[in-house]
């Protein structure tokens, strides 16, 4: 039987913008949820993390953690 697990790590995303001949790179902090089957990456989800999180940010984090736990328990495909 395949082994399902999820991991969480801090990460960032970068976006480069070109304006008036200059390139500026912006970095956005966040969390990366990685889902693996038998140590092979099956999917990744990036969740932005602001310095001043809102209640909505908290709810999105809770949902992502729940999904990761269900994935690890291999319950994601089963009806609840």
N, C-alpha and C. Protein backbone atom coordinates (compact mmCIF):
# COMPACT_ATOMS: atom_id res chain seq x y z
N UNK A 1 0.84 -1.18 0.00
CA UNK A 1 0.00 0.00 0.00
C UNK A 1 0.89 1.25 0.00
N UNK A 2 0.57 2.24 -0.81
CA UNK A 2 1.39 3.46 -0.86
C UNK A 2 1.36 4.21 0.48
N UNK A 3 2.47 4.89 0.77
CA UNK A 3 2.57 5.69 1.99
C UNK A 3 2.34 7.16 1.64
N UNK A 4 1.32 7.73 2.24
CA UNK A 4 0.96 9.12 2.02
C UNK A 4 1.47 9.94 3.20
N UNK A 5 2.09 11.09 2.92
CA UNK A 5 2.45 12.00 3.99
C UNK A 5 2.50 13.43 3.46
N UNK A 6 2.36 14.36 4.39
CA UNK A 6 2.40 15.77 4.04
C UNK A 6 3.44 16.45 4.91
N UNK A 7 4.06 17.48 4.37
CA UNK A 7 5.03 18.26 5.14
C UNK A 7 4.73 19.74 4.97
N UNK A 8 5.24 20.51 5.90
CA UNK A 8 5.02 21.96 5.91
C UNK A 8 6.37 22.62 6.12
N UNK A 9 6.65 23.66 5.32
CA UNK A 9 7.87 24.42 5.52
C UNK A 9 7.63 25.88 5.17
N UNK A 10 8.44 26.73 5.79
CA UNK A 10 8.37 28.15 5.44
C UNK A 10 9.04 28.33 4.09
N UNK A 11 8.51 29.23 3.31
CA UNK A 11 9.09 29.49 2.00
C UNK A 11 8.72 30.88 1.55
N UNK A 12 9.13 31.24 0.37
CA UNK A 12 8.74 32.53 -0.18
C UNK A 12 8.60 32.39 -1.68
N UNK A 13 7.86 33.29 -2.24
CA UNK A 13 7.69 33.38 -3.68
C UNK A 13 8.27 34.73 -4.11
N UNK A 14 8.84 34.75 -5.28
CA UNK A 14 9.43 35.98 -5.81
C UNK A 14 8.76 36.34 -7.12
N UNK A 15 8.55 37.64 -7.31
CA UNK A 15 7.97 38.14 -8.55
C UNK A 15 8.86 39.27 -9.04
N UNK A 16 9.27 39.20 -10.29
CA UNK A 16 10.10 40.26 -10.87
C UNK A 16 9.23 41.15 -11.75
N UNK A 17 9.38 42.46 -11.54
CA UNK A 17 8.63 43.45 -12.30
C UNK A 17 9.62 44.31 -13.07
N UNK A 18 9.30 44.59 -14.32
CA UNK A 18 10.14 45.47 -15.13
C UNK A 18 9.35 46.74 -15.39
N UNK A 19 9.92 47.87 -14.96
CA UNK A 19 9.26 49.16 -15.17
C UNK A 19 10.34 50.19 -15.47
N UNK A 20 10.11 50.96 -16.50
CA UNK A 20 11.04 52.01 -16.94
C UNK A 20 12.48 51.52 -17.03
N UNK A 21 12.64 50.33 -17.60
CA UNK A 21 13.97 49.79 -17.83
C UNK A 21 14.65 49.20 -16.60
N UNK A 22 13.98 49.21 -15.47
CA UNK A 22 14.54 48.64 -14.24
C UNK A 22 13.77 47.41 -13.84
N UNK A 23 14.47 46.43 -13.30
CA UNK A 23 13.82 45.23 -12.79
C UNK A 23 13.84 45.27 -11.27
N UNK A 24 12.69 45.07 -10.69
CA UNK A 24 12.57 45.01 -9.24
C UNK A 24 11.96 43.67 -8.86
N UNK A 25 12.52 43.03 -7.86
CA UNK A 25 12.03 41.73 -7.42
C UNK A 25 11.39 41.87 -6.04
N UNK A 26 10.16 41.40 -5.93
CA UNK A 26 9.43 41.41 -4.67
C UNK A 26 9.37 40.00 -4.13
N UNK A 27 9.52 39.85 -2.82
CA UNK A 27 9.49 38.54 -2.17
C UNK A 27 8.29 38.48 -1.23
N UNK A 28 7.53 37.40 -1.31
CA UNK A 28 6.36 37.20 -0.48
C UNK A 28 6.56 35.99 0.41
N UNK A 29 6.52 36.18 1.75
CA UNK A 29 6.67 35.03 2.65
C UNK A 29 5.41 34.18 2.65
N UNK A 30 5.58 32.91 2.98
CA UNK A 30 4.43 32.02 3.05
C UNK A 30 4.81 30.65 3.57
N UNK A 31 3.88 29.74 3.46
CA UNK A 31 4.07 28.36 3.88
C UNK A 31 3.84 27.46 2.67
N UNK A 32 4.66 26.42 2.57
CA UNK A 32 4.53 25.46 1.47
C UNK A 32 4.10 24.12 2.05
N UNK A 33 2.94 23.64 1.62
CA UNK A 33 2.45 22.33 2.01
C UNK A 33 2.79 21.38 0.87
N UNK A 34 3.52 20.31 1.17
CA UNK A 34 3.91 19.34 0.16
C UNK A 34 3.25 18.01 0.47
N UNK A 35 2.58 17.43 -0.51
CA UNK A 35 1.95 16.11 -0.37
C UNK A 35 2.79 15.10 -1.14
N UNK A 36 3.11 13.99 -0.48
CA UNK A 36 3.95 12.97 -1.10
C UNK A 36 3.28 11.60 -1.03
N UNK A 37 3.57 10.81 -2.04
CA UNK A 37 3.19 9.40 -2.06
C UNK A 37 4.49 8.63 -2.23
N UNK A 38 4.79 7.78 -1.26
CA UNK A 38 6.05 7.02 -1.28
C UNK A 38 7.25 7.92 -1.58
N UNK A 39 7.33 9.05 -0.86
CA UNK A 39 8.45 10.00 -0.95
C UNK A 39 8.57 10.71 -2.30
N UNK A 40 7.56 10.62 -3.14
CA UNK A 40 7.53 11.35 -4.40
C UNK A 40 6.51 12.48 -4.28
N UNK A 41 6.91 13.69 -4.65
CA UNK A 41 6.01 14.83 -4.54
C UNK A 41 4.82 14.64 -5.48
N UNK A 42 3.62 14.70 -4.89
CA UNK A 42 2.38 14.56 -5.67
C UNK A 42 1.75 15.93 -5.92
N UNK A 43 1.93 16.87 -4.97
CA UNK A 43 1.35 18.20 -5.12
C UNK A 43 1.98 19.14 -4.10
N UNK A 44 1.96 20.42 -4.44
CA UNK A 44 2.39 21.45 -3.49
C UNK A 44 1.36 22.57 -3.50
N UNK A 45 1.20 23.17 -2.33
CA UNK A 45 0.29 24.30 -2.18
C UNK A 45 1.01 25.38 -1.41
N UNK A 46 1.03 26.60 -1.95
CA UNK A 46 1.67 27.72 -1.28
C UNK A 46 0.60 28.61 -0.68
N UNK A 47 0.78 28.96 0.58
CA UNK A 47 -0.17 29.80 1.29
C UNK A 47 0.54 31.07 1.74
N UNK A 48 0.16 32.25 1.23
CA UNK A 48 0.83 33.48 1.64
C UNK A 48 0.68 33.73 3.13
N UNK A 49 1.65 34.38 3.70
CA UNK A 49 1.65 34.67 5.13
C UNK A 49 2.00 36.14 5.31
N UNK A 50 1.07 36.93 5.81
CA UNK A 50 1.33 38.35 5.97
C UNK A 50 1.85 38.64 7.38
N UNK A 51 2.41 39.83 7.53
CA UNK A 51 2.91 40.24 8.85
C UNK A 51 1.75 40.48 9.82
N UNK A 52 0.61 40.85 9.30
CA UNK A 52 -0.56 41.15 10.12
C UNK A 52 -1.73 40.30 9.61
N UNK A 53 -1.76 39.00 9.96
CA UNK A 53 -2.79 38.11 9.40
C UNK A 53 -4.20 38.48 9.85
N UNK A 54 -5.12 38.27 8.93
CA UNK A 54 -6.53 38.52 9.21
C UNK A 54 -7.18 37.23 9.69
N UNK A 55 -8.44 37.34 10.09
CA UNK A 55 -9.19 36.15 10.48
C UNK A 55 -9.32 35.20 9.28
N UNK A 56 -9.47 35.76 8.09
CA UNK A 56 -9.57 34.94 6.87
C UNK A 56 -8.26 34.18 6.63
N UNK A 57 -7.11 34.85 6.86
CA UNK A 57 -5.82 34.17 6.74
C UNK A 57 -5.75 32.98 7.69
N UNK A 58 -6.21 33.19 8.92
CA UNK A 58 -6.21 32.11 9.92
C UNK A 58 -7.07 30.94 9.46
N UNK A 59 -8.24 31.24 8.91
CA UNK A 59 -9.15 30.19 8.44
C UNK A 59 -8.52 29.41 7.28
N UNK A 60 -7.84 30.10 6.37
CA UNK A 60 -7.18 29.41 5.25
C UNK A 60 -6.07 28.50 5.75
N UNK A 61 -5.33 28.96 6.77
CA UNK A 61 -4.27 28.13 7.34
C UNK A 61 -4.84 26.89 8.02
N UNK A 62 -5.90 27.06 8.77
CA UNK A 62 -6.54 25.93 9.45
C UNK A 62 -7.03 24.91 8.42
N UNK A 63 -7.64 25.37 7.36
CA UNK A 63 -8.14 24.47 6.31
C UNK A 63 -6.99 23.74 5.63
N UNK A 64 -5.89 24.44 5.34
CA UNK A 64 -4.74 23.80 4.70
C UNK A 64 -4.13 22.75 5.63
N UNK A 65 -4.05 23.02 6.92
CA UNK A 65 -3.54 22.04 7.88
C UNK A 65 -4.45 20.82 7.95
N UNK A 66 -5.75 21.05 7.93
CA UNK A 66 -6.72 19.95 7.94
C UNK A 66 -6.56 19.07 6.71
N UNK A 67 -6.45 19.70 5.54
CA UNK A 67 -6.25 18.95 4.30
C UNK A 67 -4.96 18.13 4.35
N UNK A 68 -3.90 18.70 4.91
CA UNK A 68 -2.63 17.99 5.01
C UNK A 68 -2.75 16.78 5.93
N UNK A 69 -3.46 16.93 7.04
CA UNK A 69 -3.65 15.80 7.95
C UNK A 69 -4.48 14.70 7.29
N UNK A 70 -5.53 15.09 6.59
CA UNK A 70 -6.35 14.10 5.89
C UNK A 70 -5.53 13.38 4.83
N UNK A 71 -4.68 14.11 4.13
CA UNK A 71 -3.83 13.49 3.11
C UNK A 71 -2.91 12.47 3.76
N UNK A 72 -2.28 12.86 4.86
CA UNK A 72 -1.36 11.96 5.55
C UNK A 72 -2.06 10.70 6.04
N UNK A 73 -3.30 10.85 6.45
CA UNK A 73 -4.09 9.70 6.92
C UNK A 73 -4.76 8.97 5.76
N UNK A 74 -4.51 9.46 4.54
CA UNK A 74 -5.09 8.93 3.31
C UNK A 74 -6.63 8.92 3.37
N UNK A 75 -7.16 9.99 3.95
CA UNK A 75 -8.62 10.10 4.04
C UNK A 75 -9.15 11.13 3.05
N UNK A 76 -8.25 11.77 2.30
CA UNK A 76 -8.67 12.85 1.41
C UNK A 76 -9.65 12.40 0.35
N UNK A 77 -9.57 11.13 -0.07
CA UNK A 77 -10.45 10.65 -1.14
C UNK A 77 -11.72 10.00 -0.62
N UNK A 78 -11.82 9.89 0.69
CA UNK A 78 -13.00 9.22 1.27
C UNK A 78 -14.06 10.24 1.64
N UNK A 79 -15.32 9.88 1.51
CA UNK A 79 -16.39 10.82 1.90
C UNK A 79 -16.34 11.03 3.41
N UNK A 80 -16.69 12.25 3.84
CA UNK A 80 -16.71 12.56 5.27
C UNK A 80 -18.08 12.41 5.86
